[in-house]
Amino acid sequence: MSEFSVVTSMVEGMSARLGVISSDVDELHGQMGAHGSAAAQTPLDGALSGLMGNWAAVLPHFGFAGDRLQGAMRGAAGAYQAADADVGNAAKASDGR
């Protein structure tokens, strides 16, 4: 029989660490925007502008994915805690407590 064990505090901790992804992405996006014109009027202007445009389009999706993953992990931790409580309550009830 297969078995696995979940330490809900670890899942909650991972969820909390994931919570910084969105703000870190926003900060990176802002920093990149400030340097977007660094290659203006140079041979790299078109390439850097294209790269910055692609980053600007993709980074918000990465932040959104981090937010969604954080929410899913928070929900999983809550479900594991509820299941643990239900099993504990059922065990107490079967003992007559």
C-alpha atoms as a PDB file:
ATOM      1  CA  MET A   1       0.000   0.000   0.000  1.00  0.00           C
ATOM      2  CA  SER A   2       1.310   3.468  -0.856  1.00  0.00           C
ATOM      3  CA  GLU A   3       1.544   6.123   1.773  1.00  0.00           C
ATOM      4  CA  PHE A   4       2.515   9.758   1.922  1.00  0.00           C
ATOM      5  CA  SER A   5       2.754  12.299   4.653  1.00  0.00           C
ATOM      6  CA  VAL A   6       2.131  16.027   4.489  1.00  0.00           C
ATOM      7  CA  VAL A   7       3.471  18.551   6.949  1.00  0.00           C
ATOM      8  CA  THR A   8       0.906  21.308   6.605  1.00  0.00           C
ATOM      9  CA  SER A   9       3.168  23.933   8.142  1.00  0.00           C
ATOM     10  CA  MET A  10       5.669  23.247   5.347  1.00  0.00           C
ATOM     11  CA  VAL A  11       2.960  23.682   2.700  1.00  0.00           C
ATOM     12  CA  GLU A  12       1.899  26.939   4.368  1.00  0.00           C
ATOM     13  CA  GLY A  13       5.530  28.093   4.465  1.00  0.00           C
ATOM     14  CA  MET A  14       5.987  27.380   0.764  1.00  0.00           C
ATOM     15  CA  SER A  15       2.787  29.264   0.048  1.00  0.00           C
ATOM     16  CA  ALA A  16       4.070  32.273   1.973  1.00  0.00           C
ATOM     17  CA  ARG A  17       7.362  32.222   0.067  1.00  0.00           C
ATOM     18  CA  LEU A  18       5.458  32.121  -3.220  1.00  0.00           C
ATOM     19  CA  GLY A  19       3.627  35.271  -2.147  1.00  0.00           C
ATOM     20  CA  VAL A  20       6.641  37.405  -3.032  1.00  0.00           C
ATOM     21  CA  ILE A  21       6.735  36.347  -6.683  1.00  0.00           C
ATOM     22  CA  SER A  22       4.129  38.848  -7.811  1.00  0.00           C
ATOM     23  CA  SER A  23       5.705  41.812  -6.010  1.00  0.00           C
ATOM     24  CA  ASP A  24       9.190  40.793  -7.197  1.00  0.00           C
ATOM     25  CA  VAL A  25       7.921  40.590 -10.771  1.00  0.00           C
ATOM     26  CA  ASP A  26       6.334  44.022 -10.454  1.00  0.00           C
ATOM     27  CA  GLU A  27       9.601  45.448  -9.136  1.00  0.00           C
ATOM     28  CA  LEU A  28      11.620  43.838 -11.940  1.00  0.00           C
ATOM     29  CA  HIS A  29       9.135  45.115 -14.498  1.00  0.00           C
ATOM     30  CA  GLY A  30       9.509  48.648 -13.149  1.00  0.00           C
ATOM     31  CA  GLN A  31      13.292  48.449 -13.167  1.00  0.00           C
ATOM     32  CA  MET A  32      13.333  47.167 -16.726  1.00  0.00           C
ATOM     33  CA  GLY A  33      11.049  49.946 -17.867  1.00  0.00           C
ATOM     34  CA  ALA A  34      13.469  52.528 -16.535  1.00  0.00           C
ATOM     35  CA  HIS A  35      16.252  51.088 -18.696  1.00  0.00           C
ATOM     36  CA  GLY A  36      14.176  50.501 -21.809  1.00  0.00           C
ATOM     37  CA  SER A  37      15.526  53.531 -23.602  1.00  0.00           C
ATOM     38  CA  ALA A  38      19.179  52.776 -22.795  1.00  0.00           C
ATOM     39  CA  ALA A  39      19.885  51.707 -26.377  1.00  0.00           C
ATOM     40  CA  ALA A  40      17.985  54.544 -28.035  1.00  0.00           C
ATOM     41  CA  GLN A  41      19.690  55.823 -31.172  1.00  0.00           C
ATOM     42  CA  THR A  42      22.164  52.931 -31.208  1.00  0.00           C
ATOM     43  CA  PRO A  43      22.298  49.843 -33.434  1.00  0.00           C
ATOM     44  CA  LEU A  44      20.752  47.842 -30.558  1.00  0.00           C
ATOM     45  CA  ASP A  45      17.655  50.032 -30.298  1.00  0.00           C
ATOM     46  CA  GLY A  46      15.297  47.708 -32.206  1.00  0.00           C
ATOM     47  CA  ALA A  47      16.556  44.523 -30.587  1.00  0.00           C
ATOM     48  CA  LEU A  48      16.450  45.895 -27.046  1.00  0.00           C
ATOM     49  CA  SER A  49      13.039  47.468 -27.618  1.00  0.00           C
ATOM     50  CA  GLY A  50      11.736  44.118 -28.882  1.00  0.00           C
ATOM     51  CA  LEU A  51      13.240  42.263 -25.930  1.00  0.00           C
ATOM     52  CA  MET A  52      11.786  44.735 -23.444  1.00  0.00           C
ATOM     53  CA  GLY A  53       8.405  44.478 -25.158  1.00  0.00           C
ATOM     54  CA  ASN A  54       8.464  40.689 -24.890  1.00  0.00           C
ATOM     55  CA  TRP A  55       9.467  40.846 -21.227  1.00  0.00           C
ATOM     56  CA  ALA A  56       6.736  43.386 -20.549  1.00  0.00           C
ATOM     57  CA  ALA A  57       4.185  41.026 -22.085  1.00  0.00           C
ATOM     58  CA  VAL A  58       5.393  37.879 -20.276  1.00  0.00           C
ATOM     59  CA  LEU A  59       6.323  39.078 -16.791  1.00  0.00           C
ATOM     60  CA  PRO A  60       2.758  39.870 -15.668  1.00  0.00           C
ATOM     61  CA  HIS A  61       1.721  36.315 -16.596  1.00  0.00           C
ATOM     62  CA  PHE A  62       4.553  34.937 -14.477  1.00  0.00           C
ATOM     63  CA  GLY A  63       3.381  37.037 -11.524  1.00  0.00           C
ATOM     64  CA  PHE A  64      -0.197  35.895 -12.047  1.00  0.00           C
ATOM     65  CA  ALA A  65       0.931  32.250 -12.142  1.00  0.00           C
ATOM     66  CA  GLY A  66       2.791  32.766  -8.854  1.00  0.00           C
ATOM     67  CA  ASP A  67      -0.344  34.210  -7.276  1.00  0.00           C
ATOM     68  CA  ARG A  68      -2.450  31.285  -8.504  1.00  0.00           C
ATOM     69  CA  LEU A  69       0.073  28.717  -7.271  1.00  0.00           C
ATOM     70  CA  GLN A  70       0.214  30.436  -3.893  1.00  0.00           C
ATOM     71  CA  GLY A  71      -3.574  30.314  -3.615  1.00  0.00           C
ATOM     72  CA  ALA A  72      -3.664  26.650  -4.595  1.00  0.00           C
ATOM     73  CA  MET A  73      -1.036  25.754  -2.010  1.00  0.00           C
ATOM     74  CA  ARG A  74      -2.846  27.744   0.677  1.00  0.00           C
ATOM     75  CA  GLY A  75      -6.040  25.866  -0.218  1.00  0.00           C
ATOM     76  CA  ALA A  76      -4.223  22.532  -0.111  1.00  0.00           C
ATOM     77  CA  ALA A  77      -2.808  23.312   3.339  1.00  0.00           C
ATOM     78  CA  GLY A  78      -6.306  24.158   4.560  1.00  0.00           C
ATOM     79  CA  ALA A  79      -7.707  20.939   3.101  1.00  0.00           C
ATOM     80  CA  TYR A  80      -4.963  18.867   4.742  1.00  0.00           C
ATOM     81  CA  GLN A  81      -5.623  20.551   8.092  1.00  0.00           C
ATOM     82  CA  ALA A  82      -9.355  19.906   7.785  1.00  0.00           C
ATOM     83  CA  ALA A  83      -8.730  16.259   6.870  1.00  0.00           C
ATOM     84  CA  ASP A  84      -6.389  15.847   9.840  1.00  0.00           C
ATOM     85  CA  ALA A  85      -9.009  17.355  12.142  1.00  0.00           C
ATOM     86  CA  ASP A  86     -11.731  15.098  10.713  1.00  0.00           C
ATOM     87  CA  VAL A  87      -9.592  11.994  11.180  1.00  0.00           C
ATOM     88  CA  GLY A  88      -8.752  13.060  14.737  1.00  0.00           C
ATOM     89  CA  ASN A  89     -12.404  13.699  15.544  1.00  0.00           C
ATOM     90  CA  ALA A  90     -13.434  10.364  14.053  1.00  0.00           C
ATOM     91  CA  ALA A  91     -10.777   8.570  16.100  1.00  0.00           C
ATOM     92  CA  LYS A  92     -11.977  10.271  19.280  1.00  0.00           C
ATOM     93  CA  ALA A  93     -15.586   9.377  18.486  1.00  0.00           C
ATOM     94  CA  SER A  94     -14.704   5.733  17.930  1.00  0.00           C
ATOM     95  CA  ASP A  95     -12.904   5.682  21.303  1.00  0.00           C
ATOM     96  CA  GLY A  96     -16.033   7.028  22.954  1.00  0.00           C
ATOM     97  CA  ARG A  97     -14.425  10.322  24.002  1.00  0.00           C
END
